[in-house]
Amino acid sequence: MTDHDALTALNTDYINSVQNGDVKRFDEILAPEFYCTNPDGSFLDRAGFLAQTANPVTIKGLRAEDVMIPMFGEAALIHARTAFTNSEGHAMKGRYTDVYAKRGGRWLAVSAHVTRVGA
């Protein structure tokens, strides 16, 4: 598997983990120093993000579109658009940028920045 293939698979896992509240999978792919900026502007460390992930999922049909994965040696960015339905049934969209670092031959998410807006 190439690094690009591995990052593509991790991106799919990340999106699926958000949609399904999969704390276990996030625990495997987040670096110890992971931080996330949420759509509401809150800034969470790894423990806070895992606690947030354990909350009931209120969105449906989350999918990533137009995924771009530029790589810079042992670092990579994943930029993409999202589309989903919120808890009120409204179509929504957003964007995210995730930062990955390769450590010991394994890619780990070190940062995420997420935006969400109405469709």
PDB file of N, CA and C in Angstrom:
ATOM      1  N   MET A   1       0.848  -1.178   0.000  1.00  0.00           N
ATOM      2  CA  MET A   1       0.000   0.000   0.000  1.00  0.00           C
ATOM      3  C   MET A   1       0.893   1.240   0.000  1.00  0.00           C
ATOM      4  N   THR A   2       0.613   2.170  -0.869  1.00  0.00           N
ATOM      5  CA  THR A   2       1.365   3.422  -0.911  1.00  0.00           C
ATOM      6  C   THR A   2       0.919   4.323   0.244  1.00  0.00           C
ATOM      7  N   ASP A   3       1.720   5.344   0.522  1.00  0.00           N
ATOM      8  CA  ASP A   3       1.331   6.312   1.551  1.00  0.00           C
ATOM      9  C   ASP A   3       0.012   6.986   1.175  1.00  0.00           C
ATOM     10  N   HIS A   4      -0.155   7.316  -0.087  1.00  0.00           N
ATOM     11  CA  HIS A   4      -1.395   7.951  -0.535  1.00  0.00           C
ATOM     12  C   HIS A   4      -2.588   7.021  -0.292  1.00  0.00           C
ATOM     13  N   ASP A   5      -2.425   5.732  -0.587  1.00  0.00           N
ATOM     14  CA  ASP A   5      -3.491   4.755  -0.329  1.00  0.00           C
ATOM     15  C   ASP A   5      -3.805   4.676   1.162  1.00  0.00           C
ATOM     16  N   ALA A   6      -2.770   4.670   1.995  1.00  0.00           N
ATOM     17  CA  ALA A   6      -2.963   4.594   3.445  1.00  0.00           C
ATOM     18  C   ALA A   6      -3.716   5.819   3.954  1.00  0.00           C
ATOM     19  N   LEU A   7      -3.355   6.993   3.454  1.00  0.00           N
ATOM     20  CA  LEU A   7      -4.034   8.225   3.868  1.00  0.00           C
ATOM     21  C   LEU A   7      -5.479   8.268   3.362  1.00  0.00           C
ATOM     22  N   THR A   8      -5.711   7.755   2.164  1.00  0.00           N
ATOM     23  CA  THR A   8      -7.078   7.673   1.644  1.00  0.00           C
ATOM     24  C   THR A   8      -7.931   6.786   2.538  1.00  0.00           C
ATOM     25  N   ALA A   9      -7.387   5.657   2.947  1.00  0.00           N
ATOM     26  CA  ALA A   9      -8.108   4.741   3.838  1.00  0.00           C
ATOM     27  C   ALA A   9      -8.342   5.392   5.207  1.00  0.00           C
ATOM     28  N   LEU A  10      -7.345   6.090   5.736  1.00  0.00           N
ATOM     29  CA  LEU A  10      -7.507   6.771   7.011  1.00  0.00           C
ATOM     30  C   LEU A  10      -8.573   7.856   6.925  1.00  0.00           C
ATOM     31  N   ASN A  11      -8.621   8.565   5.811  1.00  0.00           N
ATOM     32  CA  ASN A  11      -9.647   9.587   5.628  1.00  0.00           C
ATOM     33  C   ASN A  11     -11.040   8.959   5.655  1.00  0.00           C
ATOM     34  N   THR A  12     -11.192   7.833   4.979  1.00  0.00           N
ATOM     35  CA  THR A  12     -12.475   7.122   4.993  1.00  0.00           C
ATOM     36  C   THR A  12     -12.818   6.682   6.417  1.00  0.00           C
ATOM     37  N   ASP A  13     -11.837   6.134   7.120  1.00  0.00           N
ATOM     38  CA  ASP A  13     -12.064   5.719   8.509  1.00  0.00           C
ATOM     39  C   ASP A  13     -12.453   6.905   9.387  1.00  0.00           C
ATOM     40  N   TYR A  14     -11.802   8.045   9.187  1.00  0.00           N
ATOM     41  CA  TYR A  14     -12.070   9.243   9.981  1.00  0.00           C
ATOM     42  C   TYR A  14     -13.519   9.690   9.775  1.00  0.00           C
ATOM     43  N   ILE A  15     -13.931   9.798   8.518  1.00  0.00           N
ATOM     44  CA  ILE A  15     -15.308  10.217   8.206  1.00  0.00           C
ATOM     45  C   ILE A  15     -16.309   9.212   8.777  1.00  0.00           C
ATOM     46  N   ASN A  16     -16.052   7.932   8.582  1.00  0.00           N
ATOM     47  CA  ASN A  16     -16.955   6.908   9.124  1.00  0.00           C
ATOM     48  C   ASN A  16     -16.999   6.955  10.648  1.00  0.00           C
ATOM     49  N   SER A  17     -15.877   7.251  11.269  1.00  0.00           N
ATOM     50  CA  SER A  17     -15.832   7.330  12.731  1.00  0.00           C
ATOM     51  C   SER A  17     -16.625   8.517  13.255  1.00  0.00           C
ATOM     52  N   VAL A  18     -16.592   9.631  12.530  1.00  0.00           N
ATOM     53  CA  VAL A  18     -17.431  10.776  12.906  1.00  0.00           C
ATOM     54  C   VAL A  18     -18.899  10.369  12.799  1.00  0.00           C
ATOM     55  N   GLN A  19     -19.281   9.796  11.671  1.00  0.00           N
ATOM     56  CA  GLN A  19     -20.677   9.436  11.437  1.00  0.00           C
ATOM     57  C   GLN A  19     -21.184   8.398  12.437  1.00  0.00           C
ATOM     58  N   ASN A  20     -20.322   7.481  12.850  1.00  0.00           N
ATOM     59  CA  ASN A  20     -20.743   6.381  13.709  1.00  0.00           C
ATOM     60  C   ASN A  20     -20.335   6.524  15.173  1.00  0.00           C
ATOM     61  N   GLY A  21     -19.698   7.642  15.522  1.00  0.00           N
ATOM     62  CA  GLY A  21     -19.258   7.833  16.902  1.00  0.00           C
ATOM     63  C   GLY A  21     -18.278   6.762  17.352  1.00  0.00           C
ATOM     64  N   ASP A  22     -17.347   6.408  16.484  1.00  0.00           N
ATOM     65  CA  ASP A  22     -16.424   5.304  16.733  1.00  0.00           C
ATOM     66  C   ASP A  22     -15.185   5.763  17.515  1.00  0.00           C
ATOM     67  N   VAL A  23     -15.325   5.838  18.816  1.00  0.00           N
ATOM     68  CA  VAL A  23     -14.234   6.276  19.688  1.00  0.00           C
ATOM     69  C   VAL A  23     -13.042   5.334  19.578  1.00  0.00           C
ATOM     70  N   LYS A  24     -13.296   4.047  19.486  1.00  0.00           N
ATOM     71  CA  LYS A  24     -12.209   3.055  19.409  1.00  0.00           C
ATOM     72  C   LYS A  24     -11.318   3.305  18.190  1.00  0.00           C
ATOM     73  N   ARG A  25     -11.922   3.535  17.031  1.00  0.00           N
ATOM     74  CA  ARG A  25     -11.109   3.756  15.826  1.00  0.00           C
ATOM     75  C   ARG A  25     -10.353   5.067  15.935  1.00  0.00           C
ATOM     76  N   PHE A  26     -11.003   6.124  16.449  1.00  0.00           N
ATOM     77  CA  PHE A  26     -10.291   7.379  16.634  1.00  0.00           C
ATOM     78  C   PHE A  26      -9.107   7.202  17.587  1.00  0.00           C
ATOM     79  N   ASP A  27      -9.284   6.413  18.625  1.00  0.00           N
ATOM     80  CA  ASP A  27      -8.203   6.179  19.573  1.00  0.00           C
ATOM     81  C   ASP A  27      -6.982   5.574  18.877  1.00  0.00           C
ATOM     82  N   GLU A  28      -7.219   4.830  17.808  1.00  0.00           N
ATOM     83  CA  GLU A  28      -6.135   4.199  17.056  1.00  0.00           C
ATOM     84  C   GLU A  28      -5.439   5.156  16.084  1.00  0.00           C
ATOM     85  N   ILE A  29      -6.159   6.145  15.565  1.00  0.00           N
ATOM     86  CA  ILE A  29      -5.582   6.970  14.496  1.00  0.00           C
ATOM     87  C   ILE A  29      -5.199   8.387  14.913  1.00  0.00           C
ATOM     88  N   LEU A  30      -5.519   8.779  16.150  1.00  0.00           N
ATOM     89  CA  LEU A  30      -5.158  10.121  16.608  1.00  0.00           C
ATOM     90  C   LEU A  30      -3.825  10.100  17.346  1.00  0.00           C
ATOM     91  N   ALA A  31      -2.944  11.037  17.008  1.00  0.00           N
ATOM     92  CA  ALA A  31      -1.669  11.181  17.704  1.00  0.00           C
ATOM     93  C   ALA A  31      -1.918  11.681  19.126  1.00  0.00           C
ATOM     94  N   PRO A  32      -0.984  11.431  20.033  1.00  0.00           N
ATOM     95  CA  PRO A  32      -1.159  11.899  21.416  1.00  0.00           C
ATOM     96  C   PRO A  32      -1.381  13.411  21.514  1.00  0.00           C
ATOM     97  N   GLU A  33      -0.763  14.179  20.624  1.00  0.00           N
ATOM     98  CA  GLU A  33      -0.873  15.645  20.679  1.00  0.00           C
ATOM     99  C   GLU A  33      -1.953  16.203  19.752  1.00  0.00           C
ATOM    100  N   PHE A  34      -2.896  15.367  19.325  1.00  0.00           N
ATOM    101  CA  PHE A  34      -3.976  15.777  18.427  1.00  0.00           C
ATOM    102  C   PHE A  34      -4.798  16.917  19.031  1.00  0.00           C
ATOM    103  N   TYR A  35      -5.156  17.883  18.175  1.00  0.00           N
ATOM    104  CA  TYR A  35      -6.082  18.960  18.513  1.00  0.00           C
ATOM    105  C   TYR A  35      -7.064  19.147  17.366  1.00  0.00           C
ATOM    106  N   CYS A  36      -8.273  19.575  17.713  1.00  0.00           N
ATOM    107  CA  CYS A  36      -9.303  19.808  16.702  1.00  0.00           C
ATOM    108  C   CYS A  36      -9.989  21.141  16.953  1.00  0.00           C
ATOM    109  N   THR A  37     -10.152  21.919  15.882  1.00  0.00           N
ATOM    110  CA  THR A  37     -10.986  23.108  15.920  1.00  0.00           C
ATOM    111  C   THR A  37     -12.342  22.718  15.337  1.00  0.00           C
ATOM    112  N   ASN A  38     -13.371  22.813  16.163  1.00  0.00           N
ATOM    113  CA  ASN A  38     -14.735  22.441  15.761  1.00  0.00           C
ATOM    114  C   ASN A  38     -15.421  23.571  14.999  1.00  0.00           C
ATOM    115  N   PRO A  39     -16.514  23.255  14.318  1.00  0.00           N
ATOM    116  CA  PRO A  39     -17.255  24.282  13.575  1.00  0.00           C
ATOM    117  C   PRO A  39     -17.724  25.449  14.440  1.00  0.00           C
ATOM    118  N   ASP A  40     -17.965  25.212  15.736  1.00  0.00           N
ATOM    119  CA  ASP A  40     -18.421  26.278  16.626  1.00  0.00           C
ATOM    120  C   ASP A  40     -17.264  27.109  17.190  1.00  0.00           C
ATOM    121  N   GLY A  41     -16.033  26.777  16.772  1.00  0.00           N
ATOM    122  CA  GLY A  41     -14.864  27.512  17.225  1.00  0.00           C
ATOM    123  C   GLY A  41     -14.209  26.925  18.453  1.00  0.00           C
ATOM    124  N   SER A  42     -14.819  25.907  19.067  1.00  0.00           N
ATOM    125  CA  SER A  42     -14.189  25.286  20.231  1.00  0.00           C
ATOM    126  C   SER A  42     -12.931  24.543  19.792  1.00  0.00           C
ATOM    127  N   PHE A  43     -12.004  24.428  20.705  1.00  0.00           N
ATOM    128  CA  PHE A  43     -10.689  23.841  20.433  1.00  0.00           C
ATOM    129  C   PHE A  43     -10.482  22.708  21.425  1.00  0.00           C
ATOM    130  N   LEU A  44     -10.418  21.478  20.925  1.00  0.00           N
ATOM    131  CA  LEU A  44     -10.358  20.307  21.779  1.00  0.00           C
ATOM    132  C   LEU A  44      -9.035  19.571  21.651  1.00  0.00           C
ATOM    133  N   ASP A  45      -8.510  19.107  22.778  1.00  0.00           N
ATOM    134  CA  ASP A  45      -7.369  18.213  22.730  1.00  0.00           C
ATOM    135  C   ASP A  45      -7.877  16.803  22.445  1.00  0.00           C
ATOM    136  N   ARG A  46      -6.983  15.860  22.392  1.00  0.00           N
ATOM    137  CA  ARG A  46      -7.332  14.479  22.049  1.00  0.00           C
ATOM    138  C   ARG A  46      -8.410  13.923  22.975  1.00  0.00           C
ATOM    139  N   ALA A  47      -8.223  14.074  24.286  1.00  0.00           N
ATOM    140  CA  ALA A  47      -9.190  13.539  25.250  1.00  0.00           C
ATOM    141  C   ALA A  47     -10.558  14.190  25.067  1.00  0.00           C
ATOM    142  N   GLY A  48     -10.582  15.498  24.855  1.00  0.00           N
ATOM    143  CA  GLY A  48     -11.850  16.196  24.635  1.00  0.00           C
ATOM    144  C   GLY A  48     -12.526  15.754  23.357  1.00  0.00           C
ATOM    145  N   PHE A  49     -11.734  15.522  22.315  1.00  0.00           N
ATOM    146  CA  PHE A  49     -12.291  15.069  21.042  1.00  0.00           C
ATOM    147  C   PHE A  49     -12.884  13.665  21.182  1.00  0.00           C
ATOM    148  N   LEU A  50     -12.181  12.776  21.883  1.00  0.00           N
ATOM    149  CA  LEU A  50     -12.705  11.428  22.086  1.00  0.00           C
ATOM    150  C   LEU A  50     -13.987  11.471  22.915  1.00  0.00           C
ATOM    151  N   ALA A  51     -14.038  12.325  23.925  1.00  0.00           N
ATOM    152  CA  ALA A  51     -15.259  12.472  24.732  1.00  0.00           C
ATOM    153  C   ALA A  51     -16.402  13.001  23.872  1.00  0.00           C
ATOM    154  N   GLN A  52     -16.113  13.969  23.008  1.00  0.00           N
ATOM    155  CA  GLN A  52     -17.133  14.507  22.097  1.00  0.00           C
ATOM    156  C   GLN A  52     -17.640  13.417  21.154  1.00  0.00           C
ATOM    157  N   THR A  53     -16.739  12.601  20.654  1.00  0.00           N
ATOM    158  CA  THR A  53     -17.098  11.523  19.727  1.00  0.00           C
ATOM    159  C   THR A  53     -18.041  10.515  20.384  1.00  0.00           C
ATOM    160  N   ALA A  54     -17.928  10.348  21.693  1.00  0.00           N
ATOM    161  CA  ALA A  54     -18.780   9.397  22.415  1.00  0.00           C
ATOM    162  C   ALA A  54     -20.224   9.889  22.548  1.00  0.00           C
ATOM    163  N   ASN A  55     -20.459  11.182  22.298  1.00  0.00           N
ATOM    164  CA  ASN A  55     -21.821  11.720  22.363  1.00  0.00           C
ATOM    165  C   ASN A  55     -22.660  11.159  21.223  1.00  0.00           C
ATOM    166  N   PRO A  56     -23.985  11.104  21.399  1.00  0.00           N
ATOM    167  CA  PRO A  56     -24.838  10.618  20.305  1.00  0.00           C
ATOM    168  C   PRO A  56     -24.626  11.435  19.020  1.00  0.00           C
ATOM    169  N   VAL A  57     -24.558  10.743  17.894  1.00  0.00           N
ATOM    170  CA  VAL A  57     -24.363  11.381  16.591  1.00  0.00           C
ATOM    171  C   VAL A  57     -25.699  11.970  16.136  1.00  0.00           C
ATOM    172  N   THR A  58     -25.676  13.247  15.735  1.00  0.00           N
ATOM    173  CA  THR A  58     -26.920  13.923  15.341  1.00  0.00           C
ATOM    174  C   THR A  58     -27.015  14.194  13.849  1.00  0.00           C
ATOM    175  N   ILE A  59     -25.988  13.835  13.089  1.00  0.00           N
ATOM    176  CA  ILE A  59     -26.007  14.050  11.642  1.00  0.00           C
ATOM    177  C   ILE A  59     -26.182  12.716  10.929  1.00  0.00           C
ATOM    178  N   LYS A  60     -26.606  12.792   9.669  1.00  0.00           N
ATOM    179  CA  LYS A  60     -26.800  11.576   8.866  1.00  0.00           C
ATOM    180  C   LYS A  60     -26.166  11.769   7.489  1.00  0.00           C
ATOM    181  N   GLY A  61     -25.744  10.649   6.915  1.00  0.00           N
ATOM    182  CA  GLY A  61     -25.268  10.656   5.536  1.00  0.00           C
ATOM    183  C   GLY A  61     -23.986  11.421   5.291  1.00  0.00           C
ATOM    184  N   LEU A  62     -23.128  11.520   6.298  1.00  0.00           N
ATOM    185  CA  LEU A  62     -21.875  12.265   6.134  1.00  0.00           C
ATOM    186  C   LEU A  62     -21.019  11.624   5.046  1.00  0.00           C
ATOM    187  N   ARG A  63     -20.571  12.465   4.137  1.00  0.00           N
ATOM    188  CA  ARG A  63     -19.668  11.979   3.091  1.00  0.00           C
ATOM    189  C   ARG A  63     -18.643  13.063   2.756  1.00  0.00           C
ATOM    190  N   ALA A  64     -17.476  12.599   2.339  1.00  0.00           N
ATOM    191  CA  ALA A  64     -16.396  13.488   1.912  1.00  0.00           C
ATOM    192  C   ALA A  64     -16.407  13.565   0.397  1.00  0.00           C
ATOM    193  N   GLU A  65     -16.171  14.754  -0.121  1.00  0.00           N
ATOM    194  CA  GLU A  65     -16.148  14.983  -1.567  1.00  0.00           C
ATOM    195  C   GLU A  65     -14.912  15.806  -1.923  1.00  0.00           C
ATOM    196  N   ASP A  66     -14.475  15.669  -3.161  1.00  0.00           N
ATOM    197  CA  ASP A  66     -13.343  16.463  -3.663  1.00  0.00           C
ATOM    198  C   ASP A  66     -12.131  16.384  -2.734  1.00  0.00           C
ATOM    199  N   VAL A  67     -11.772  15.182  -2.335  1.00  0.00           N
ATOM    200  CA  VAL A  67     -10.662  14.973  -1.409  1.00  0.00           C
ATOM    201  C   VAL A  67      -9.326  15.214  -2.122  1.00  0.00           C
ATOM    202  N   MET A  68      -8.486  16.012  -1.491  1.00  0.00           N
ATOM    203  CA  MET A  68      -7.130  16.268  -1.985  1.00  0.00           C
ATOM    204  C   MET A  68      -6.160  15.882  -0.880  1.00  0.00           C
ATOM    205  N   ILE A  69      -5.071  15.205  -1.245  1.00  0.00           N
ATOM    206  CA  ILE A  69      -4.095  14.760  -0.254  1.00  0.00           C
ATOM    207  C   ILE A  69      -2.679  15.142  -0.699  1.00  0.00           C
ATOM    208  N   PRO A  70      -2.276  16.389  -0.468  1.00  0.00           N
ATOM    209  CA  PRO A  70      -0.888  16.742  -0.741  1.00  0.00           C
ATOM    210  C   PRO A  70       0.015  16.181   0.358  1.00  0.00           C
ATOM    211  N   MET A  71       1.164  15.677  -0.060  1.00  0.00           N
ATOM    212  CA  MET A  71       2.101  15.068   0.875  1.00  0.00           C
ATOM    213  C   MET A  71       3.412  15.843   0.869  1.00  0.00           C
ATOM    214  N   PHE A  72       4.036  15.916   2.045  1.00  0.00           N
ATOM    215  CA  PHE A  72       5.281  16.648   2.237  1.00  0.00           C
ATOM    216  C   PHE A  72       6.236  15.786   3.044  1.00  0.00           C
ATOM    217  N   GLY A  73       6.724  14.729   2.440  1.00  0.00           N
ATOM    218  CA  GLY A  73       7.614  13.814   3.153  1.00  0.00           C
ATOM    219  C   GLY A  73       6.859  13.043   4.216  1.00  0.00           C
ATOM    220  N   GLU A  74       7.170  13.316   5.469  1.00  0.00           N
ATOM    221  CA  GLU A  74       6.559  12.620   6.606  1.00  0.00           C
ATOM    222  C   GLU A  74       5.318  13.348   7.125  1.00  0.00           C
ATOM    223  N   ALA A  75       4.800  14.297   6.350  1.00  0.00           N
ATOM    224  CA  ALA A  75       3.582  15.036   6.714  1.00  0.00           C
ATOM    225  C   ALA A  75       2.646  15.062   5.518  1.00  0.00           C
ATOM    226  N   ALA A  76       1.359  15.149   5.810  1.00  0.00           N
ATOM    227  CA  ALA A  76       0.361  15.215   4.743  1.00  0.00           C
ATOM    228  C   ALA A  76      -0.856  15.995   5.235  1.00  0.00           C
ATOM    229  N   LEU A  77      -1.508  16.628   4.284  1.00  0.00           N
ATOM    230  CA  LEU A  77      -2.771  17.320   4.551  1.00  0.00           C
ATOM    231  C   LEU A  77      -3.879  16.574   3.831  1.00  0.00           C
ATOM    232  N   ILE A  78      -5.051  16.579   4.409  1.00  0.00           N
ATOM    233  CA  ILE A  78      -6.227  16.088   3.698  1.00  0.00           C
ATOM    234  C   ILE A  78      -7.238  17.218   3.718  1.00  0.00           C
ATOM    235  N   HIS A  79      -7.546  17.737   2.526  1.00  0.00           N
ATOM    236  CA  HIS A  79      -8.549  18.783   2.353  1.00  0.00           C
ATOM    237  C   HIS A  79      -9.752  18.148   1.675  1.00  0.00           C
ATOM    238  N   ALA A  80     -10.955  18.482   2.111  1.00  0.00           N
ATOM    239  CA  ALA A  80     -12.145  17.946   1.455  1.00  0.00           C
ATOM    240  C   ALA A  80     -13.372  18.774   1.813  1.00  0.00           C
ATOM    241  N   ARG A  81     -14.410  18.571   1.016  1.00  0.00           N
ATOM    242  CA  ARG A  81     -15.737  19.112   1.309  1.00  0.00           C
ATOM    243  C   ARG A  81     -16.537  18.008   1.977  1.00  0.00           C
ATOM    244  N   THR A  82     -17.520  18.401   2.764  1.00  0.00           N
ATOM    245  CA  THR A  82     -18.442  17.421   3.337  1.00  0.00           C
ATOM    246  C   THR A  82     -19.866  17.788   2.960  1.00  0.00           C
ATOM    247  N   ALA A  83     -20.700  16.779   2.963  1.00  0.00           N
ATOM    248  CA  ALA A  83     -22.143  16.958   2.794  1.00  0.00           C
ATOM    249  C   ALA A  83     -22.819  16.002   3.770  1.00  0.00           C
ATOM    250  N   PHE A  84     -23.915  16.445   4.378  1.00  0.00           N
ATOM    251  CA  PHE A  84     -24.617  15.633   5.363  1.00  0.00           C
ATOM    252  C   PHE A  84     -25.982  16.258   5.639  1.00  0.00           C
ATOM    253  N   THR A  85     -26.783  15.575   6.417  1.00  0.00           N
ATOM    254  CA  THR A  85     -28.081  16.073   6.847  1.00  0.00           C
ATOM    255  C   THR A  85     -28.022  16.285   8.349  1.00  0.00           C
ATOM    256  N   ASN A  86     -28.468  17.470   8.812  1.00  0.00           N
ATOM    257  CA  ASN A  86     -28.432  17.728  10.249  1.00  0.00           C
ATOM    258  C   ASN A  86     -29.636  17.097  10.939  1.00  0.00           C
ATOM    259  N   SER A  87     -29.715  17.256  12.252  1.00  0.00           N
ATOM    260  CA  SER A  87     -30.767  16.596  13.029  1.00  0.00           C
ATOM    261  C   SER A  87     -32.166  17.108  12.697  1.00  0.00           C
ATOM    262  N   GLU A  88     -32.268  18.298  12.101  1.00  0.00           N
ATOM    263  CA  GLU A  88     -33.565  18.841  11.689  1.00  0.00           C
ATOM    264  C   GLU A  88     -33.938  18.436  10.264  1.00  0.00           C
ATOM    265  N   GLY A  89     -33.067  17.655   9.618  1.00  0.00           N
ATOM    266  CA  GLY A  89     -33.341  17.192   8.267  1.00  0.00           C
ATOM    267  C   GLY A  89     -32.893  18.143   7.166  1.00  0.00           C
ATOM    268  N   HIS A  90     -32.117  19.164   7.511  1.00  0.00           N
ATOM    269  CA  HIS A  90     -31.627  20.121   6.523  1.00  0.00           C
ATOM    270  C   HIS A  90     -30.308  19.661   5.916  1.00  0.00           C
ATOM    271  N   ALA A  91     -30.187  19.831   4.609  1.00  0.00           N
ATOM    272  CA  ALA A  91     -28.926  19.534   3.922  1.00  0.00           C
ATOM    273  C   ALA A  91     -27.885  20.554   4.366  1.00  0.00           C
ATOM    274  N   MET A  92     -26.712  20.053   4.695  1.00  0.00           N
ATOM    275  CA  MET A  92     -25.613  20.896   5.161  1.00  0.00           C
ATOM    276  C   MET A  92     -24.356  20.553   4.370  1.00  0.00           C
ATOM    277  N   LYS A  93     -23.393  21.453   4.462  1.00  0.00           N
ATOM    278  CA  LYS A  93     -22.101  21.198   3.830  1.00  0.00           C
ATOM    279  C   LYS A  93     -21.020  21.793   4.707  1.00  0.00           C
ATOM    280  N   GLY A  94     -19.799  21.480   4.401  1.00  0.00           N
ATOM    281  CA  GLY A  94     -18.680  22.008   5.153  1.00  0.00           C
ATOM    282  C   GLY A  94     -17.369  21.704   4.462  1.00  0.00           C
ATOM    283  N   ARG A  95     -16.303  21.996   5.160  1.00  0.00           N
ATOM    284  CA  ARG A  95     -14.952  21.688   4.688  1.00  0.00           C
ATOM    285  C   ARG A  95     -14.144  21.253   5.888  1.00  0.00           C
ATOM    286  N   TYR A  96     -13.089  20.516   5.610  1.00  0.00           N
ATOM    287  CA  TYR A  96     -12.154  20.168   6.677  1.00  0.00           C
ATOM    288  C   TYR A  96     -10.753  20.055   6.115  1.00  0.00           C
ATOM    289  N   THR A  97      -9.819  20.275   7.005  1.00  0.00           N
ATOM    290  CA  THR A  97      -8.411  20.023   6.732  1.00  0.00           C
ATOM    291  C   THR A  97      -7.873  19.226   7.903  1.00  0.00           C
ATOM    292  N   ASP A  98      -7.355  18.048   7.613  1.00  0.00           N
ATOM    293  CA  ASP A  98      -6.720  17.203   8.619  1.00  0.00           C
ATOM    294  C   ASP A  98      -5.227  17.156   8.314  1.00  0.00           C
ATOM    295  N   VAL A  99      -4.427  17.139   9.354  1.00  0.00           N
ATOM    296  CA  VAL A  99      -2.972  17.063   9.224  1.00  0.00           C
ATOM    297  C   VAL A  99      -2.525  15.717   9.786  1.00  0.00           C
ATOM    298  N   TYR A 100      -1.726  15.005   9.007  1.00  0.00           N
ATOM    299  CA  TYR A 100      -1.183  13.704   9.412  1.00  0.00           C
ATOM    300  C   TYR A 100       0.330  13.759   9.442  1.00  0.00           C
ATOM    301  N   ALA A 101       0.910  13.010  10.363  1.00  0.00           N
ATOM    302  CA  ALA A 101       2.365  12.854  10.453  1.00  0.00           C
ATOM    303  C   ALA A 101       2.678  11.365  10.454  1.00  0.00           C
ATOM    304  N   LYS A 102       3.751  11.000   9.762  1.00  0.00           N
ATOM    305  CA  LYS A 102       4.157   9.600   9.713  1.00  0.00           C
ATOM    306  C   LYS A 102       5.176   9.351  10.812  1.00  0.00           C
ATOM    307  N   ARG A 103       4.834   8.395  11.676  1.00  0.00           N
ATOM    308  CA  ARG A 103       5.696   8.076  12.814  1.00  0.00           C
ATOM    309  C   ARG A 103       5.860   6.571  12.904  1.00  0.00           C
ATOM    310  N   GLY A 104       7.096   6.116  12.896  1.00  0.00           N
ATOM    311  CA  GLY A 104       7.352   4.682  12.992  1.00  0.00           C
ATOM    312  C   GLY A 104       6.671   3.904  11.880  1.00  0.00           C
ATOM    313  N   GLY A 105       6.612   4.504  10.702  1.00  0.00           N
ATOM    314  CA  GLY A 105       5.993   3.851   9.556  1.00  0.00           C
ATOM    315  C   GLY A 105       4.469   3.917   9.531  1.00  0.00           C
ATOM    316  N   ARG A 106       3.878   4.659  10.450  1.00  0.00           N
ATOM    317  CA  ARG A 106       2.420   4.720  10.581  1.00  0.00           C
ATOM    318  C   ARG A 106       1.945   6.164  10.545  1.00  0.00           C
ATOM    319  N   TRP A 107       0.883   6.428   9.795  1.00  0.00           N
ATOM    320  CA  TRP A 107       0.308   7.765   9.716  1.00  0.00           C
ATOM    321  C   TRP A 107      -0.655   7.984  10.873  1.00  0.00           C
ATOM    322  N   LEU A 108      -0.525   9.136  11.563  1.00  0.00           N
ATOM    323  CA  LEU A 108      -1.412   9.511  12.662  1.00  0.00           C
ATOM    324  C   LEU A 108      -1.946  10.916  12.433  1.00  0.00           C
ATOM    325  N   ALA A 109      -3.207  11.136  12.762  1.00  0.00           N
ATOM    326  CA  ALA A 109      -3.803  12.467  12.666  1.00  0.00           C
ATOM    327  C   ALA A 109      -3.301  13.312  13.826  1.00  0.00           C
ATOM    328  N   VAL A 110      -2.757  14.489  13.515  1.00  0.00           N
ATOM    329  CA  VAL A 110      -2.246  15.380  14.555  1.00  0.00           C
ATOM    330  C   VAL A 110      -3.107  16.632  14.725  1.00  0.00           C
ATOM    331  N   SER A 111      -3.936  16.933  13.716  1.00  0.00           N
ATOM    332  CA  SER A 111      -4.749  18.143  13.796  1.00  0.00           C
ATOM    333  C   SER A 111      -5.925  18.048  12.836  1.00  0.00           C
ATOM    334  N   ALA A 112      -7.021  18.703  13.218  1.00  0.00           N
ATOM    335  CA  ALA A 112      -8.195  18.784  12.348  1.00  0.00           C
ATOM    336  C   ALA A 112      -8.824  20.158  12.513  1.00  0.00           C
ATOM    337  N   HIS A 113      -9.325  20.694  11.423  1.00  0.00           N
ATOM    338  CA  HIS A 113     -10.051  21.966  11.422  1.00  0.00           C
ATOM    339  C   HIS A 113     -11.309  21.765  10.584  1.00  0.00           C
ATOM    340  N   VAL A 114     -12.476  21.998  11.183  1.00  0.00           N
ATOM    341  CA  VAL A 114     -13.748  21.662  10.554  1.00  0.00           C
ATOM    342  C   VAL A 114     -14.651  22.882  10.480  1.00  0.00           C
ATOM    343  N   THR A 115     -15.317  23.079   9.326  1.00  0.00           N
ATOM    344  CA  THR A 115     -16.337  24.108   9.193  1.00  0.00           C
ATOM    345  C   THR A 115     -17.629  23.457   8.729  1.00  0.00           C
ATOM    346  N   ARG A 116     -18.752  24.062   9.071  1.00  0.00           N
ATOM    347  CA  ARG A 116     -20.055  23.585   8.608  1.00  0.00           C
ATOM    348  C   ARG A 116     -20.942  24.790   8.349  1.00  0.00           C
ATOM    349  N   VAL A 117     -21.697  24.707   7.248  1.00  0.00           N
ATOM    350  CA  VAL A 117     -22.647  25.764   6.894  1.00  0.00           C
ATOM    351  C   VAL A 117     -23.884  25.121   6.283  1.00  0.00           C
ATOM    352  N   GLY A 118     -24.956  25.883   6.177  1.00  0.00           N
ATOM    353  CA  GLY A 118     -26.146  25.375   5.490  1.00  0.00           C
ATOM    354  C   GLY A 118     -25.854  25.180   4.022  1.00  0.00           C
ATOM    355  N   ALA A 119     -26.638  24.350   3.379  1.00  0.00           N
ATOM    356  CA  ALA A 119     -26.419  24.037   1.960  1.00  0.00           C
ATOM    357  C   ALA A 119     -26.804  25.187   1.058  1.00  0.00           C
TER     358      ALA A 119
END
